[in-house]
Amino acid sequence: MAAPPPGCPAHGIGPGGLRRLYGPEAEDLGAVYEELRAEHGAVAPALLHEDVPIWVVLGHSENMHMLRTPSQYSRDTRLWVPLQDGTVKPDHPLMPHLAWQPLACHAEGDEHLRLRGAVTGAMSTIDHRGVRRHINRATQHLVNKFCEEGRADLVAQFAERLPMMVMCQILGMPDEYNDRIVEAARDLPKGTETAIASNAYIMDVLTRHTVRRRAEPKDDFTSHLINHPARLTDEEVAQHLRLVLIVAYESTANLLANVLRVVLTDPRFRAQLNGGQMTVPQAVEQSMWDEPPFSTVLAYIAKQETELGGRRIRKGDGLLMGIAPGNVDPRVRPDTKANMQGNRSHLAFSGGPHECPGQDIGRAIADVGVDALLTRLPDAELACEEHELSWRSSISNRHLVALPVKFAPKPQQDVMARPGHPVPSQRPSTWPSGTPRAQTTAPEPAAPAAASTPAPLPTPEPTRRPGVFRRLLRWWRGY
């Protein structure tokens, strides 16, 4: 049978007449999802890479039902028929997403409670105000690298850098921050030929870090995860570090780029920010509706025969959680240009028992990073035509390739502490009293060690006390 000519609608169609979610005809997955919605409704059949069948959940309420019904839908991919029967091979490009791992997001019941409890317990020790100060200083450090040039690419020089700097610090591995780990973290979720190698590199870094912290615990997220009463194995610790690192990095890098793009290309959006009608956190929430950092999540598995969106789902079928298509479900958002301020029912952070436990960190990086950048570069404007911007899409997300800007050259500013400066001590975890904890070692000081409370950084004495609003603003920014 002759192949269809270029431009023919048959392109992008696989076995059974199903639409492919990969390949040249699926570069604009948003359009593909809308075609599937028009043809099939809220739940549609489609094909993953190598023509593996999958259900795409396009409806907002259908996604929420799936997320909130663990009795019917599981994240344990070992239940997925194409993995059981060998249809999905070990070298499948999406294997980093599909392979079962000893993670809270793949577990159920008591095992899920054990692993999730360890992650949330370690998260609870993070000093969020200290992290916000670190985000601000890291932003200043990055802006100092290009502010004198009057031009920059805010994707490569900012959005792809800041989240990894912050996450390496939180995990207690600031020395591991470099170009290679940034590139590997970017490549891993794409489903490319090199994704498996990138995953192996990330796991090697995190496994070595886990072994070091097991032998020499410090006051960081990794050490608290290791020493939690759940007693995670080294493999479980390293896998959860990978999950936290990659999800937080990838989602926040995309979120930063998306918010900055809208600020630079939509005059009304920027006017609302400058005029005070919208705060940076509100702008971030709007972006999570319009351009969520992750567009889908792979995969949920039906534990029994059931029905969703009027479709018969068989036991062992896989379902793709549709974050982006769910956010624009016409039943929820008949007008996609409507302002969604005050509405946090978007799907960006999932929901149900597997809702993202680190969403506050991602929000903080975006809130503080965007605010600090725009404060330093208030005159930044797009250095190309808007139609020249391009995106790179994968099954998991859609991210901006570059965001060139120009501005009047600015002098460098003093950074109160270098980005590698340890984040202030994390809060004591809320573990049961009497639970043995490894002794923590104080971080290597960049300044003389303080007693129980870090000494305040020297600042010029103000001539008059700032007003209430100014003090609140300083607290919010982490100063």
Protein backbone atom coordinates (compact mmCIF):
# COMPACT_ATOMS: atom_id res chain seq x y z
CA MET A 1 0.00 0.00 0.00
CA ALA A 2 1.45 3.36 -0.99
CA ALA A 3 2.20 5.84 1.77
CA PRO A 4 -0.15 8.84 1.94
CA PRO A 5 1.21 12.02 0.39
CA PRO A 6 2.58 14.79 2.64
CA GLY A 7 -0.18 16.86 4.20
CA CYS A 8 -2.72 14.04 3.87
CA PRO A 9 -4.92 13.59 6.98
CA ALA A 10 -3.83 9.95 7.10
CA HIS A 11 -0.44 11.11 8.40
CA GLY A 12 -0.31 10.63 12.15
CA ILE A 13 -2.77 7.73 11.97
CA GLY A 14 -1.63 4.34 13.23
CA PRO A 15 -3.06 0.83 13.60
CA GLY A 16 -6.80 0.73 14.10
CA GLY A 17 -7.13 4.24 12.72
CA LEU A 18 -5.93 5.71 16.03
CA ARG A 19 -4.12 9.03 16.31
CA ARG A 20 -0.45 8.95 17.22
CA LEU A 21 0.76 11.16 20.07
CA TYR A 22 4.28 11.25 18.63
CA GLY A 23 6.00 11.96 15.34
CA PRO A 24 5.92 14.93 12.93
CA GLU A 25 2.14 15.14 12.83
CA ALA A 26 1.93 15.38 16.61
CA GLU A 27 4.25 18.35 17.10
CA ASP A 28 1.24 20.42 18.12
CA LEU A 29 -0.25 18.07 20.68
CA GLY A 30 -2.71 20.73 21.81
CA ALA A 31 -4.35 20.58 18.39
CA VAL A 32 -4.26 16.77 18.44
CA TYR A 33 -6.04 16.71 21.80
CA GLU A 34 -8.76 19.02 20.52
CA GLU A 35 -9.26 16.80 17.46
CA LEU A 36 -9.55 13.79 19.76
CA ARG A 37 -12.03 15.65 21.97
CA ALA A 38 -14.17 16.58 18.97
CA GLU A 39 -14.15 13.00 17.69
CA HIS A 40 -14.35 10.95 20.89
CA GLY A 41 -15.36 13.22 23.78
CA ALA A 42 -13.78 13.41 27.23
CA VAL A 43 -11.82 10.12 26.97
CA ALA A 44 -10.18 9.14 23.68
CA PRO A 45 -8.14 6.18 22.37
CA ALA A 46 -4.68 7.01 20.98
CA LEU A 47 -1.18 5.61 20.45
CA LEU A 48 2.04 6.29 22.35
CA HIS A 49 5.53 5.86 20.86
CA GLU A 50 5.94 2.58 18.98
CA ASP A 51 2.15 2.46 18.61
CA VAL A 52 1.39 1.38 22.16
CA PRO A 53 -2.35 1.90 22.87
CA ILE A 54 -3.36 4.38 25.57
CA TRP A 55 -6.51 6.21 26.66
CA VAL A 56 -6.15 10.00 26.81
CA VAL A 57 -8.27 11.60 29.53
CA LEU A 58 -9.24 15.01 28.13
CA GLY A 59 -12.05 16.08 30.46
CA HIS A 60 -11.41 18.03 33.68
CA SER A 61 -13.95 16.12 35.80
CA GLU A 62 -12.88 12.78 34.29
CA ASN A 63 -9.26 13.50 35.23
CA MET A 64 -10.28 14.46 38.77
CA HIS A 65 -12.37 11.28 39.10
CA MET A 66 -9.41 9.16 37.99
CA LEU A 67 -7.03 10.92 40.39
CA ARG A 68 -9.41 10.62 43.35
CA THR A 69 -10.46 7.00 42.87
CA PRO A 70 -7.47 4.82 43.82
CA SER A 71 -9.81 1.84 44.17
CA GLN A 72 -10.21 1.84 40.37
CA TYR A 73 -7.03 3.48 39.01
CA SER A 74 -3.45 2.81 40.03
CA ARG A 75 -0.03 4.31 39.24
CA ASP A 76 1.56 0.84 39.50
CA THR A 77 2.60 0.31 35.88
CA ARG A 78 3.29 -3.39 36.55
CA LEU A 79 -0.49 -3.79 36.12
CA TRP A 80 -0.33 -2.42 32.56
CA VAL A 81 -1.01 -5.16 29.98
CA PRO A 82 1.44 -3.83 27.30
CA LEU A 83 4.26 -4.11 29.86
CA GLN A 84 3.15 -7.54 30.99
CA ASP A 85 2.92 -9.00 27.48
CA GLY A 86 6.16 -7.45 26.18
CA THR A 87 4.56 -4.95 23.81
CA VAL A 88 6.54 -2.25 25.62
CA LYS A 89 10.21 -3.20 25.30
CA PRO A 90 12.91 -2.30 27.87
CA ASP A 91 14.41 0.24 25.45
CA HIS A 92 11.12 2.05 24.84
CA PRO A 93 11.89 5.82 24.75
CA LEU A 94 9.28 6.50 27.45
CA MET A 95 10.64 3.82 29.79
CA PRO A 96 11.90 6.39 32.36
CA HIS A 97 8.23 7.34 32.76
CA LEU A 98 6.73 3.87 32.42
CA ALA A 99 9.01 1.53 34.35
CA TRP A 100 7.84 0.69 37.84
CA GLN A 101 10.13 2.11 40.51
CA PRO A 102 10.07 2.00 44.33
CA LEU A 103 8.40 5.40 44.49
CA ALA A 104 5.48 6.78 46.45
CA CYS A 105 3.79 7.75 43.17
CA HIS A 106 3.82 4.09 42.05
CA ALA A 107 2.76 2.61 45.41
CA GLU A 108 -0.61 1.98 47.04
CA GLY A 109 -2.01 1.32 50.49
CA ASP A 110 0.40 1.01 53.41
CA GLU A 111 3.44 1.15 51.14
CA HIS A 112 2.24 4.44 49.67
CA LEU A 113 1.69 5.83 53.17
CA ARG A 114 5.20 4.77 54.22
CA LEU A 115 6.99 6.29 51.22
CA ARG A 116 4.78 9.38 50.95
CA GLY A 117 5.17 9.96 54.69
CA ALA A 118 8.96 9.98 54.33
CA VAL A 119 8.85 12.52 51.49
CA THR A 120 6.37 14.85 53.17
CA GLY A 121 8.25 14.49 56.46
CA ALA A 122 11.48 15.58 54.81
CA MET A 123 9.63 18.38 53.01
CA SER A 124 8.29 19.64 56.33
CA THR A 125 11.83 20.34 57.55
CA ILE A 126 12.53 22.87 54.79
CA ASP A 127 12.82 26.47 55.96
CA HIS A 128 10.73 28.13 53.26
CA ARG A 129 11.72 31.65 54.22
CA GLY A 130 15.36 30.65 54.02
CA VAL A 131 14.73 29.06 50.62
CA ARG A 132 13.07 32.26 49.37
CA ARG A 133 16.17 34.24 50.40
CA HIS A 134 18.34 31.75 48.54
CA ILE A 135 16.13 32.00 45.43
CA ASN A 136 16.52 35.79 45.47
CA ARG A 137 20.29 35.59 45.83
CA ALA A 138 20.59 32.94 43.13
CA THR A 139 18.53 35.16 40.83
CA GLN A 140 20.83 38.11 41.50
CA HIS A 141 23.82 35.89 40.77
CA LEU A 142 22.38 34.78 37.42
CA VAL A 143 21.31 38.29 36.39
CA ASN A 144 24.81 39.59 37.23
CA LYS A 145 26.17 37.29 34.51
CA PHE A 146 24.33 39.10 31.70
CA CYS A 147 23.03 42.43 33.02
CA GLU A 148 25.99 44.45 31.64
CA GLU A 149 25.46 43.10 28.11
CA GLY A 150 21.96 44.51 27.64
CA ARG A 151 20.79 41.26 26.04
CA ALA A 152 20.00 37.78 27.31
CA ASP A 153 18.14 34.57 26.58
CA LEU A 154 15.89 34.17 29.60
CA VAL A 155 15.38 30.46 28.92
CA ALA A 156 18.99 29.31 28.65
CA GLN A 157 20.48 31.91 31.02
CA PHE A 158 17.74 32.05 33.64
CA ALA A 159 14.73 29.70 33.52
CA GLU A 160 16.84 26.58 32.93
CA ARG A 161 19.38 27.57 35.59
CA LEU A 162 17.55 28.90 38.62
CA PRO A 163 15.47 25.80 39.51
CA MET A 164 18.47 23.46 39.38
CA MET A 165 20.58 25.82 41.52
CA VAL A 166 17.83 25.90 44.14
CA MET A 167 17.02 22.17 44.05
CA CYS A 168 20.68 21.13 44.30
CA GLN A 169 20.93 23.36 47.36
CA ILE A 170 17.79 21.94 49.00
CA LEU A 171 18.96 18.37 48.37
CA GLY A 172 22.33 19.26 49.92
CA MET A 173 24.40 18.83 46.75
CA PRO A 174 25.29 22.35 45.55
CA ASP A 175 28.63 21.11 44.19
CA GLU A 176 26.79 18.86 41.73
CA TYR A 177 25.21 21.86 39.99
CA ASN A 178 26.73 22.19 36.49
CA ASP A 179 25.78 22.32 32.82
CA ARG A 180 25.68 18.54 32.47
CA ILE A 181 23.08 17.96 35.18
CA VAL A 182 20.94 20.76 33.69
CA GLU A 183 21.14 19.18 30.24
CA ALA A 184 20.36 15.69 31.54
CA ALA A 185 17.38 16.94 33.55
CA ARG A 186 16.06 18.67 30.42
CA ASP A 187 16.53 15.60 28.25
CA LEU A 188 15.18 12.92 30.58
CA PRO A 189 11.41 13.61 30.23
CA LYS A 190 11.44 14.11 26.45
CA GLY A 191 11.20 10.51 25.30
CA THR A 192 14.26 10.99 23.07
CA GLU A 193 16.86 8.39 22.10
CA THR A 194 19.18 9.82 24.76
CA ALA A 195 16.58 9.93 27.57
CA ILE A 196 17.66 6.58 29.02
CA ALA A 197 21.32 7.65 29.15
CA SER A 198 20.33 10.94 30.80
CA ASN A 199 18.31 9.03 33.37
CA ALA A 200 21.31 6.80 34.11
CA TYR A 201 23.53 9.85 34.66
CA ILE A 202 21.06 11.49 37.02
CA MET A 203 20.65 8.25 38.99
CA ASP A 204 24.43 7.83 39.27
CA VAL A 205 24.77 11.35 40.72
CA LEU A 206 21.92 10.82 43.19
CA THR A 207 23.02 7.33 44.23
CA ARG A 208 26.51 8.58 45.08
CA HIS A 209 24.99 11.50 46.96
CA THR A 210 22.75 9.13 48.94
CA VAL A 211 25.72 6.99 49.97
CA ARG A 212 27.63 10.10 51.11
CA ARG A 213 24.73 11.39 53.17
CA ARG A 214 24.09 7.96 54.69
CA ALA A 215 27.69 8.03 55.94
CA GLU A 216 27.77 11.74 56.80
CA PRO A 217 24.28 13.21 57.36
CA LYS A 218 23.78 16.96 57.31
CA ASP A 219 20.84 19.29 57.77
CA ASP A 220 19.36 18.90 54.27
CA PHE A 221 16.42 17.24 52.54
CA THR A 222 18.42 14.12 51.62
CA SER A 223 19.59 13.48 55.18
CA HIS A 224 16.09 13.95 56.60
CA LEU A 225 14.73 11.54 53.96
CA ILE A 226 17.39 8.95 54.86
CA ASN A 227 16.85 9.26 58.61
CA HIS A 228 13.05 9.26 58.54
CA PRO A 229 11.50 6.45 60.64
CA ALA A 230 10.18 4.89 57.42
CA ARG A 231 13.77 3.63 56.92
CA LEU A 232 14.02 3.95 53.15
CA THR A 233 16.67 1.88 51.41
CA ASP A 234 19.40 3.61 49.41
CA GLU A 235 17.57 2.74 46.19
CA GLU A 236 14.31 4.17 47.52
CA VAL A 237 16.08 7.35 48.65
CA ALA A 238 17.87 7.86 45.31
CA GLN A 239 14.69 7.21 43.32
CA HIS A 240 12.72 9.70 45.39
CA LEU A 241 15.50 12.27 45.04
CA ARG A 242 15.27 11.81 41.26
CA LEU A 243 11.51 12.26 41.37
CA VAL A 244 11.74 15.44 43.47
CA LEU A 245 14.65 16.86 41.45
CA ILE A 246 13.27 16.20 37.96
CA VAL A 247 9.65 17.11 38.64
CA ALA A 248 10.57 20.29 40.52
CA TYR A 249 13.22 21.27 37.98
CA GLU A 250 11.33 20.59 34.77
CA SER A 251 8.02 22.02 35.95
CA THR A 252 9.58 25.16 37.42
CA ALA A 253 11.85 25.82 34.43
CA ASN A 254 8.82 25.67 32.15
CA LEU A 255 6.74 27.75 34.54
CA LEU A 256 9.39 30.51 34.71
CA ALA A 257 9.71 30.64 30.92
CA ASN A 258 5.93 30.68 30.41
CA VAL A 259 5.27 33.48 32.91
CA LEU A 260 8.10 35.63 31.53
CA ARG A 261 6.92 35.08 27.95
CA VAL A 262 3.42 36.30 28.78
CA VAL A 263 4.78 39.31 30.66
CA LEU A 264 6.92 40.23 27.63
CA THR A 265 4.32 39.58 24.92
CA ASP A 266 0.99 40.59 26.47
CA PRO A 267 0.86 44.32 27.27
CA ARG A 268 -2.33 43.90 29.31
CA PHE A 269 -0.73 41.23 31.46
CA ARG A 270 2.32 43.39 32.17
CA ALA A 271 0.14 46.43 32.81
CA GLN A 272 -1.82 44.47 35.40
CA LEU A 273 1.42 43.52 37.15
CA ASN A 274 2.87 47.03 37.01
CA GLY A 275 -0.43 48.59 38.06
CA GLY A 276 -0.92 46.28 41.02
CA GLN A 277 -4.12 44.66 39.71
CA MET A 278 -2.24 41.33 39.61
CA THR A 279 0.54 40.00 41.83
CA VAL A 280 3.34 37.72 40.61
CA PRO A 281 1.81 34.73 42.46
CA GLN A 282 -1.49 35.38 40.69
CA ALA A 283 0.35 35.56 37.37
CA VAL A 284 1.96 32.21 38.16
CA GLU A 285 -1.44 30.63 38.89
CA GLN A 286 -2.85 32.01 35.63
CA SER A 287 0.07 30.46 33.76
CA MET A 288 -0.67 27.08 35.37
CA TRP A 289 -4.11 27.19 33.76
CA ASP A 290 -2.98 28.44 30.35
CA GLU A 291 0.38 26.68 29.93
CA PRO A 292 0.87 24.04 32.67
CA PRO A 293 4.51 23.00 33.17
CA PHE A 294 3.61 19.35 32.51
CA SER A 295 0.95 18.72 29.89
CA THR A 296 0.38 15.03 30.74
CA VAL A 297 1.32 12.39 33.30
CA LEU A 298 2.11 8.78 32.36
CA ALA A 299 0.38 6.56 33.32
CA TYR A 300 -2.64 5.44 35.32
CA ILE A 301 -3.73 1.80 35.06
CA ALA A 302 -7.28 0.46 35.40
CA LYS A 303 -7.38 -2.07 38.27
CA GLN A 304 -10.72 -3.47 37.10
CA GLU A 305 -13.13 -3.11 34.23
CA THR A 306 -14.80 0.27 34.58
CA GLU A 307 -16.25 3.20 32.68
CA LEU A 308 -14.88 6.71 32.31
CA GLY A 309 -16.29 9.48 30.16
CA GLY A 310 -18.70 7.03 28.55
CA ARG A 311 -15.87 4.73 27.45
CA ARG A 312 -15.46 1.11 28.51
CA ILE A 313 -12.05 0.77 30.15
CA ARG A 314 -10.73 -2.77 30.50
CA LYS A 315 -8.67 -4.09 33.39
CA GLY A 316 -4.98 -3.41 32.66
CA ASP A 317 -5.63 -0.54 30.24
CA GLY A 318 -3.36 2.50 30.54
CA LEU A 319 -4.63 6.07 30.80
CA LEU A 320 -2.79 9.31 30.16
CA MET A 321 -3.67 12.07 32.61
CA GLY A 322 -4.39 15.08 30.40
CA ILE A 323 -3.36 18.15 32.39
CA ALA A 324 -3.26 20.62 29.48
CA PRO A 325 -6.41 19.39 27.71
CA GLY A 326 -8.23 19.09 31.05
CA ASN A 327 -7.40 22.71 31.87
CA VAL A 328 -9.12 23.88 28.67
CA ASP A 329 -12.11 21.54 28.91
CA PRO A 330 -14.98 23.67 27.46
CA ARG A 331 -17.26 22.49 30.27
CA VAL A 332 -14.91 24.15 32.79
CA ARG A 333 -13.52 27.01 30.68
CA PRO A 334 -15.94 27.96 27.90
CA ASP A 335 -13.80 31.08 27.43
CA THR A 336 -10.12 30.14 27.58
CA LYS A 337 -9.14 33.83 27.62
CA ALA A 338 -11.03 34.41 30.86
CA ASN A 339 -8.99 35.45 33.89
CA MET A 340 -8.72 32.57 36.38
CA GLN A 341 -7.51 34.60 39.37
CA GLY A 342 -8.45 33.00 42.67
CA ASN A 343 -9.22 29.63 41.05
CA ARG A 344 -6.71 26.90 41.90
CA SER A 345 -8.69 23.97 40.52
CA HIS A 346 -6.25 23.53 37.62
CA LEU A 347 -4.63 20.12 37.16
CA ALA A 348 -1.03 21.36 37.15
CA PHE A 349 -0.15 19.66 40.46
CA SER A 350 -2.28 16.53 39.91
CA GLY A 351 -4.65 15.60 42.73
CA GLY A 352 -5.86 12.84 45.00
CA PRO A 353 -3.35 10.70 46.95
CA HIS A 354 -0.58 11.47 44.43
CA GLU A 355 -0.90 15.25 44.47
CA CYS A 356 2.51 16.93 44.16
CA PRO A 357 3.94 17.32 47.70
CA GLY A 358 6.54 19.92 46.65
CA GLN A 359 4.29 22.40 44.86
CA ASP A 360 5.05 25.18 47.35
CA ILE A 361 8.74 25.04 46.41
CA GLY A 362 7.93 25.35 42.71
CA ARG A 363 5.62 28.27 43.38
CA ALA A 364 8.29 29.98 45.52
CA ILE A 365 10.96 29.65 42.82
CA ALA A 366 8.62 31.12 40.22
CA ASP A 367 7.21 33.86 42.47
CA VAL A 368 10.52 35.11 43.85
CA GLY A 369 12.54 34.50 40.68
CA VAL A 370 10.19 36.38 38.34
CA ASP A 371 9.72 39.24 40.82
CA ALA A 372 13.46 39.64 41.42
CA LEU A 373 14.28 39.47 37.70
CA LEU A 374 11.69 42.08 36.73
CA THR A 375 12.90 44.32 39.56
CA ARG A 376 16.43 44.18 38.15
CA LEU A 377 15.33 44.51 34.50
CA PRO A 378 12.13 46.58 34.51
CA ASP A 379 12.73 47.75 30.92
CA ALA A 380 13.29 44.25 29.47
CA GLU A 381 11.48 43.71 26.18
CA LEU A 382 11.34 40.97 23.61
CA ALA A 383 14.32 41.08 21.23
CA CYS A 384 12.50 39.33 18.37
CA GLU A 385 9.04 39.21 16.88
CA GLU A 386 6.57 37.17 18.91
CA HIS A 387 5.88 34.86 15.96
CA GLU A 388 9.59 33.97 15.87
CA LEU A 389 9.41 32.25 19.26
CA SER A 390 9.43 28.46 19.02
CA TRP A 391 8.61 25.54 21.28
CA ARG A 392 9.86 22.00 21.62
CA SER A 393 7.11 19.54 22.44
CA SER A 394 7.11 16.07 23.92
CA ILE A 395 4.43 13.81 25.29
CA SER A 396 5.05 15.22 28.79
CA ASN A 397 5.35 18.94 28.14
CA ARG A 398 5.83 21.85 25.79
CA HIS A 399 8.64 24.24 26.55
CA LEU A 400 9.96 27.43 25.07
CA VAL A 401 13.24 27.02 23.16
CA ALA A 402 14.49 30.58 23.73
CA LEU A 403 13.26 33.92 25.04
CA PRO A 404 15.63 36.65 23.79
CA VAL A 405 15.30 40.02 25.52
CA LYS A 406 17.02 43.39 25.37
CA PHE A 407 17.31 46.11 27.99
CA ALA A 408 19.52 49.03 28.95
CA PRO A 409 22.80 47.61 30.33
CA LYS A 410 22.79 47.47 34.11
CA PRO A 411 25.69 47.31 36.57
CA GLN A 412 26.20 44.17 38.59
CA GLN A 413 24.84 44.16 42.12
CA ASP A 414 26.40 42.72 45.23
CA VAL A 415 24.97 39.35 46.10
CA MET A 416 24.72 39.14 49.87
CA ALA A 417 25.75 35.50 49.79
CA ARG A 418 26.94 33.37 46.95
CA PRO A 419 24.32 30.92 45.56
CA GLY A 420 26.25 28.00 47.02
CA HIS A 421 25.81 29.42 50.54
CA PRO A 422 23.99 26.81 52.62
CA VAL A 423 20.27 27.35 53.02
CA PRO A 424 19.53 28.26 56.65
CA SER A 425 18.92 25.27 58.93
CA GLN A 426 15.83 23.31 58.11
CA ARG A 427 13.06 23.00 60.65
CA PRO A 428 13.14 20.04 63.03
CA SER A 429 11.00 17.31 61.56
CA THR A 430 7.81 16.33 63.34
CA TRP A 431 8.89 12.76 64.00
CA PRO A 432 7.68 10.91 67.08
CA SER A 433 9.64 11.71 70.22
CA GLY A 434 12.23 9.14 71.07
CA THR A 435 12.87 8.24 67.43
CA PRO A 436 16.64 7.99 66.94
CA ARG A 437 18.02 10.50 64.47
CA ALA A 438 21.50 10.64 63.04
CA GLN A 439 23.57 13.54 64.25
CA THR A 440 23.63 16.29 61.67
CA THR A 441 26.78 18.06 60.70
CA ALA A 442 26.68 21.81 60.37
CA PRO A 443 27.06 23.02 56.78
CA GLU A 444 30.45 24.38 55.90
CA PRO A 445 30.13 28.04 56.79
CA ALA A 446 30.78 30.79 54.31
CA ALA A 447 31.04 33.10 57.29
CA PRO A 448 31.89 32.59 60.97
CA ALA A 449 29.52 30.09 62.50
CA ALA A 450 26.67 31.46 64.55
CA ALA A 451 25.02 30.06 67.63
CA SER A 452 21.50 28.70 67.40
CA THR A 453 20.25 31.46 65.13
CA PRO A 454 22.17 32.75 62.07
CA ALA A 455 23.48 36.23 62.61
CA PRO A 456 21.65 38.83 60.53
CA LEU A 457 23.47 40.09 57.49
CA PRO A 458 24.74 43.65 57.90
CA THR A 459 22.55 46.21 56.18
CA PRO A 460 22.66 49.98 56.26
CA GLU A 461 20.59 51.42 59.07
CA PRO A 462 17.50 53.03 57.52
CA THR A 463 16.83 56.63 58.32
CA ARG A 464 13.19 55.78 58.97
CA ARG A 465 11.31 52.57 59.57
CA PRO A 466 9.67 51.22 56.39
CA GLY A 467 5.90 51.31 56.25
CA VAL A 468 3.75 48.25 56.86
CA PHE A 469 3.33 47.50 53.12
CA ARG A 470 7.07 47.77 52.48
CA ARG A 471 7.88 45.46 55.40
CA LEU A 472 5.28 42.95 54.17
CA LEU A 473 6.75 43.10 50.66
CA ARG A 474 10.26 42.50 52.02
CA TRP A 475 9.04 39.51 54.03
CA TRP A 476 7.24 38.08 50.96
CA ARG A 477 10.37 38.37 48.81
CA GLY A 478 12.44 36.72 51.50
CA TYR A 479 14.58 39.71 52.46
